[in-house]
Amino acid sequence: MKKLSGIIIGALIGITAGILIAPDKGTKTRKTLTKESDKWKSSFEKQLGDSVDLFLKNLTDSIDGYSKKSKKSLKQIRKKRNKGFSIFN
């Protein structure tokens, strides 16, 4: 989150400085700003996508882990049940 905040603040400072010291005409400055904002947007989307991918991977890994533990527990319960053990005794 700190990295994202830093990127946003840096982009805003860069845009502001660019506008204030721009030696170009307004149309050229607007084109430059559009180009730079498109780059920033693309970078943001990539980072967001990477974060979502990582989250989903971690979620999947956790679900797989719980699934394996549940299957192991069920096997143990079935073994005990087959040996005559009852959880209701």
N, C-alpha and C. Protein backbone atom coordinates (compact mmCIF):
# COMPACT_ATOMS: atom_id res chain seq x y z
N MET A 1 0.82 -1.18 0.00
CA MET A 1 0.00 0.00 0.00
C MET A 1 0.87 1.25 0.00
N LYS A 2 1.99 1.20 0.73
CA LYS A 2 2.89 2.35 0.76
C LYS A 2 3.48 2.61 -0.62
N LYS A 3 3.75 1.51 -1.34
CA LYS A 3 4.33 1.64 -2.67
C LYS A 3 3.34 2.34 -3.60
N LEU A 4 2.08 1.95 -3.52
CA LEU A 4 1.05 2.56 -4.35
C LEU A 4 0.89 4.04 -4.01
N SER A 5 0.90 4.37 -2.72
CA SER A 5 0.78 5.77 -2.31
C SER A 5 1.96 6.58 -2.85
N GLY A 6 3.14 5.99 -2.79
CA GLY A 6 4.33 6.67 -3.30
C GLY A 6 4.24 6.92 -4.79
N ILE A 7 3.72 5.93 -5.51
CA ILE A 7 3.57 6.09 -6.96
C ILE A 7 2.58 7.19 -7.28
N ILE A 8 1.47 7.21 -6.57
CA ILE A 8 0.45 8.23 -6.82
C ILE A 8 0.99 9.62 -6.51
N ILE A 9 1.64 9.76 -5.37
CA ILE A 9 2.19 11.07 -4.98
C ILE A 9 3.26 11.50 -5.98
N GLY A 10 4.13 10.57 -6.37
CA GLY A 10 5.17 10.89 -7.34
C GLY A 10 4.58 11.33 -8.68
N ALA A 11 3.54 10.63 -9.11
CA ALA A 11 2.90 11.00 -10.38
C ALA A 11 2.29 12.39 -10.30
N LEU A 12 1.62 12.68 -9.20
CA LEU A 12 1.01 14.01 -9.04
C LEU A 12 2.05 15.12 -9.01
N ILE A 13 3.15 14.88 -8.32
CA ILE A 13 4.22 15.88 -8.26
C ILE A 13 4.81 16.08 -9.65
N GLY A 14 5.04 14.97 -10.35
CA GLY A 14 5.60 15.05 -11.70
C GLY A 14 4.69 15.80 -12.66
N ILE A 15 3.41 15.52 -12.58
CA ILE A 15 2.46 16.20 -13.46
C ILE A 15 2.41 17.69 -13.15
N THR A 16 2.35 18.01 -11.87
CA THR A 16 2.31 19.42 -11.46
C THR A 16 3.56 20.16 -11.92
N ALA A 17 4.72 19.56 -11.69
CA ALA A 17 5.98 20.20 -12.10
C ALA A 17 6.01 20.35 -13.61
N GLY A 18 5.55 19.34 -14.32
CA GLY A 18 5.55 19.41 -15.77
C GLY A 18 4.67 20.53 -16.30
N ILE A 19 3.54 20.72 -15.69
CA ILE A 19 2.64 21.78 -16.13
C ILE A 19 3.24 23.16 -15.83
N LEU A 20 3.83 23.29 -14.66
CA LEU A 20 4.36 24.59 -14.25
C LEU A 20 5.57 25.04 -15.07
N ILE A 21 6.39 24.12 -15.48
CA ILE A 21 7.61 24.51 -16.20
C ILE A 21 7.56 24.13 -17.68
N ALA A 22 6.39 23.81 -18.16
CA ALA A 22 6.25 23.37 -19.55
C ALA A 22 6.52 24.52 -20.52
N PRO A 23 7.49 24.33 -21.41
CA PRO A 23 7.79 25.37 -22.39
C PRO A 23 6.94 25.22 -23.67
N ASP A 24 6.13 24.18 -23.72
CA ASP A 24 5.37 23.89 -24.94
C ASP A 24 4.01 24.57 -24.94
N LYS A 25 3.37 24.53 -26.11
CA LYS A 25 2.01 25.05 -26.24
C LYS A 25 1.05 24.16 -25.46
N GLY A 26 -0.13 24.69 -25.22
CA GLY A 26 -1.14 23.97 -24.46
C GLY A 26 -1.53 22.64 -25.07
N THR A 27 -1.67 22.62 -26.41
CA THR A 27 -2.07 21.37 -27.06
C THR A 27 -1.01 20.30 -26.88
N LYS A 28 0.23 20.68 -27.01
CA LYS A 28 1.31 19.71 -26.86
C LYS A 28 1.41 19.25 -25.40
N THR A 29 1.22 20.18 -24.48
CA THR A 29 1.25 19.84 -23.05
C THR A 29 0.12 18.86 -22.73
N ARG A 30 -1.07 19.11 -23.27
CA ARG A 30 -2.19 18.19 -23.03
C ARG A 30 -1.90 16.81 -23.58
N LYS A 31 -1.30 16.74 -24.77
CA LYS A 31 -0.94 15.44 -25.35
C LYS A 31 0.07 14.72 -24.46
N THR A 32 1.03 15.47 -23.97
CA THR A 32 2.04 14.89 -23.09
C THR A 32 1.40 14.38 -21.80
N LEU A 33 0.52 15.20 -21.23
CA LEU A 33 -0.16 14.79 -20.01
C LEU A 33 -1.01 13.53 -20.25
N THR A 34 -1.69 13.50 -21.38
CA THR A 34 -2.51 12.33 -21.71
C THR A 34 -1.62 11.09 -21.83
N LYS A 35 -0.52 11.24 -22.51
CA LYS A 35 0.41 10.13 -22.70
C LYS A 35 0.95 9.63 -21.35
N GLU A 36 1.35 10.58 -20.51
CA GLU A 36 1.89 10.20 -19.20
C GLU A 36 0.82 9.59 -18.30
N SER A 37 -0.40 10.12 -18.36
CA SER A 37 -1.46 9.55 -17.53
C SER A 37 -1.83 8.15 -18.02
N ASP A 38 -1.75 7.92 -19.33
CA ASP A 38 -1.99 6.58 -19.86
C ASP A 38 -0.92 5.60 -19.38
N LYS A 39 0.33 6.05 -19.32
CA LYS A 39 1.41 5.21 -18.80
C LYS A 39 1.15 4.87 -17.33
N TRP A 40 0.77 5.90 -16.56
CA TRP A 40 0.50 5.70 -15.14
C TRP A 40 -0.66 4.74 -14.94
N LYS A 41 -1.71 4.92 -15.74
CA LYS A 41 -2.88 4.05 -15.66
C LYS A 41 -2.49 2.61 -15.98
N SER A 42 -1.70 2.44 -17.00
CA SER A 42 -1.26 1.09 -17.39
C SER A 42 -0.44 0.45 -16.28
N SER A 43 0.46 1.21 -15.68
CA SER A 43 1.28 0.70 -14.59
C SER A 43 0.40 0.32 -13.39
N PHE A 44 -0.55 1.17 -13.08
CA PHE A 44 -1.46 0.90 -11.96
C PHE A 44 -2.26 -0.37 -12.21
N GLU A 45 -2.80 -0.50 -13.43
CA GLU A 45 -3.59 -1.69 -13.77
C GLU A 45 -2.75 -2.96 -13.66
N LYS A 46 -1.49 -2.88 -14.09
CA LYS A 46 -0.61 -4.04 -14.01
C LYS A 46 -0.36 -4.41 -12.55
N GLN A 47 -0.06 -3.42 -11.72
CA GLN A 47 0.18 -3.70 -10.30
C GLN A 47 -1.07 -4.24 -9.63
N LEU A 48 -2.21 -3.70 -9.97
CA LEU A 48 -3.46 -4.18 -9.41
C LEU A 48 -3.71 -5.62 -9.84
N GLY A 49 -3.49 -5.89 -11.12
CA GLY A 49 -3.66 -7.25 -11.63
C GLY A 49 -2.71 -8.23 -10.96
N ASP A 50 -1.46 -7.81 -10.76
CA ASP A 50 -0.48 -8.67 -10.08
C ASP A 50 -0.93 -8.95 -8.64
N SER A 51 -1.44 -7.92 -7.99
CA SER A 51 -1.91 -8.09 -6.60
C SER A 51 -3.10 -9.04 -6.53
N VAL A 52 -4.01 -8.92 -7.47
CA VAL A 52 -5.17 -9.80 -7.49
C VAL A 52 -4.72 -11.23 -7.76
N ASP A 53 -3.80 -11.40 -8.71
CA ASP A 53 -3.28 -12.74 -9.01
C ASP A 53 -2.63 -13.37 -7.78
N LEU A 54 -1.84 -12.60 -7.06
CA LEU A 54 -1.17 -13.11 -5.86
C LEU A 54 -2.21 -13.48 -4.79
N PHE A 55 -3.20 -12.62 -4.62
CA PHE A 55 -4.27 -12.90 -3.65
C PHE A 55 -4.98 -14.20 -4.00
N LEU A 56 -5.34 -14.36 -5.27
CA LEU A 56 -6.05 -15.57 -5.69
C LEU A 56 -5.19 -16.82 -5.53
N LYS A 57 -3.90 -16.69 -5.80
CA LYS A 57 -2.99 -17.83 -5.62
C LYS A 57 -2.94 -18.23 -4.15
N ASN A 58 -2.78 -17.25 -3.28
CA ASN A 58 -2.74 -17.53 -1.83
C ASN A 58 -4.06 -18.12 -1.35
N LEU A 59 -5.16 -17.62 -1.85
CA LEU A 59 -6.47 -18.14 -1.48
C LEU A 59 -6.61 -19.59 -1.93
N THR A 60 -6.21 -19.87 -3.15
CA THR A 60 -6.28 -21.23 -3.69
C THR A 60 -5.40 -22.17 -2.88
N ASP A 61 -4.19 -21.72 -2.56
CA ASP A 61 -3.29 -22.55 -1.75
C ASP A 61 -3.89 -22.85 -0.38
N SER A 62 -4.51 -21.85 0.22
CA SER A 62 -5.14 -22.06 1.53
C SER A 62 -6.30 -23.05 1.44
N ILE A 63 -7.11 -22.89 0.43
CA ILE A 63 -8.24 -23.81 0.25
C ILE A 63 -7.74 -25.22 0.02
N ASP A 64 -6.70 -25.37 -0.80
CA ASP A 64 -6.13 -26.70 -1.04
C ASP A 64 -5.61 -27.31 0.25
N GLY A 65 -4.95 -26.49 1.06
CA GLY A 65 -4.43 -26.97 2.34
C GLY A 65 -5.54 -27.44 3.27
N TYR A 66 -6.59 -26.66 3.37
CA TYR A 66 -7.72 -27.06 4.22
C TYR A 66 -8.40 -28.30 3.68
N SER A 67 -8.47 -28.41 2.37
CA SER A 67 -9.08 -29.58 1.75
C SER A 67 -8.29 -30.85 2.08
N LYS A 68 -6.97 -30.75 1.99
CA LYS A 68 -6.12 -31.90 2.31
C LYS A 68 -6.27 -32.30 3.78
N LYS A 69 -6.30 -31.30 4.67
CA LYS A 69 -6.47 -31.59 6.09
C LYS A 69 -7.83 -32.24 6.37
N SER A 70 -8.86 -31.75 5.69
CA SER A 70 -10.19 -32.32 5.88
C SER A 70 -10.25 -33.76 5.40
N LYS A 71 -9.65 -34.03 4.26
CA LYS A 71 -9.63 -35.40 3.73
C LYS A 71 -8.88 -36.33 4.69
N LYS A 72 -7.77 -35.84 5.23
CA LYS A 72 -6.99 -36.64 6.18
C LYS A 72 -7.82 -36.93 7.44
N SER A 73 -8.50 -35.91 7.93
CA SER A 73 -9.35 -36.10 9.12
C SER A 73 -10.47 -37.10 8.85
N LEU A 74 -11.08 -37.01 7.68
CA LEU A 74 -12.15 -37.95 7.33
C LEU A 74 -11.62 -39.38 7.26
N LYS A 75 -10.43 -39.56 6.71
CA LYS A 75 -9.82 -40.89 6.65
C LYS A 75 -9.62 -41.44 8.06
N GLN A 76 -9.11 -40.59 8.96
CA GLN A 76 -8.88 -41.03 10.33
C GLN A 76 -10.19 -41.41 11.02
N ILE A 77 -11.23 -40.63 10.80
CA ILE A 77 -12.53 -40.93 11.40
C ILE A 77 -13.07 -42.24 10.85
N ARG A 78 -12.94 -42.45 9.56
CA ARG A 78 -13.43 -43.70 8.96
C ARG A 78 -12.67 -44.91 9.49
N LYS A 79 -11.36 -44.75 9.67
CA LYS A 79 -10.56 -45.85 10.22
C LYS A 79 -11.04 -46.20 11.62
N LYS A 80 -11.23 -45.19 12.44
CA LYS A 80 -11.69 -45.41 13.81
C LYS A 80 -13.08 -46.01 13.82
N ARG A 81 -13.93 -45.56 12.94
CA ARG A 81 -15.29 -46.09 12.85
C ARG A 81 -15.26 -47.57 12.45
N ASN A 82 -14.39 -47.89 11.49
CA ASN A 82 -14.28 -49.27 11.03
C ASN A 82 -13.69 -50.19 12.10
N LYS A 83 -12.95 -49.63 13.05
CA LYS A 83 -12.38 -50.41 14.15
C LYS A 83 -13.36 -50.53 15.30
N GLY A 84 -14.54 -50.01 15.15
CA GLY A 84 -15.55 -50.12 16.19
C GLY A 84 -15.65 -48.90 17.08
N PHE A 85 -14.91 -47.87 16.80
CA PHE A 85 -14.97 -46.65 17.60
C PHE A 85 -16.15 -45.82 17.14
N SER A 86 -16.87 -45.28 18.08
CA SER A 86 -18.00 -44.42 17.74
C SER A 86 -17.84 -43.11 18.50
N ILE A 87 -18.07 -42.03 17.81
CA ILE A 87 -17.97 -40.72 18.48
C ILE A 87 -19.17 -40.47 19.36
N PHE A 88 -20.20 -41.34 19.27
CA PHE A 88 -21.41 -41.17 20.06
C PHE A 88 -21.42 -41.96 21.34
N ASN A 89 -20.37 -42.76 21.61
CA ASN A 89 -20.30 -43.55 22.85
C ASN A 89 -19.80 -42.71 23.98
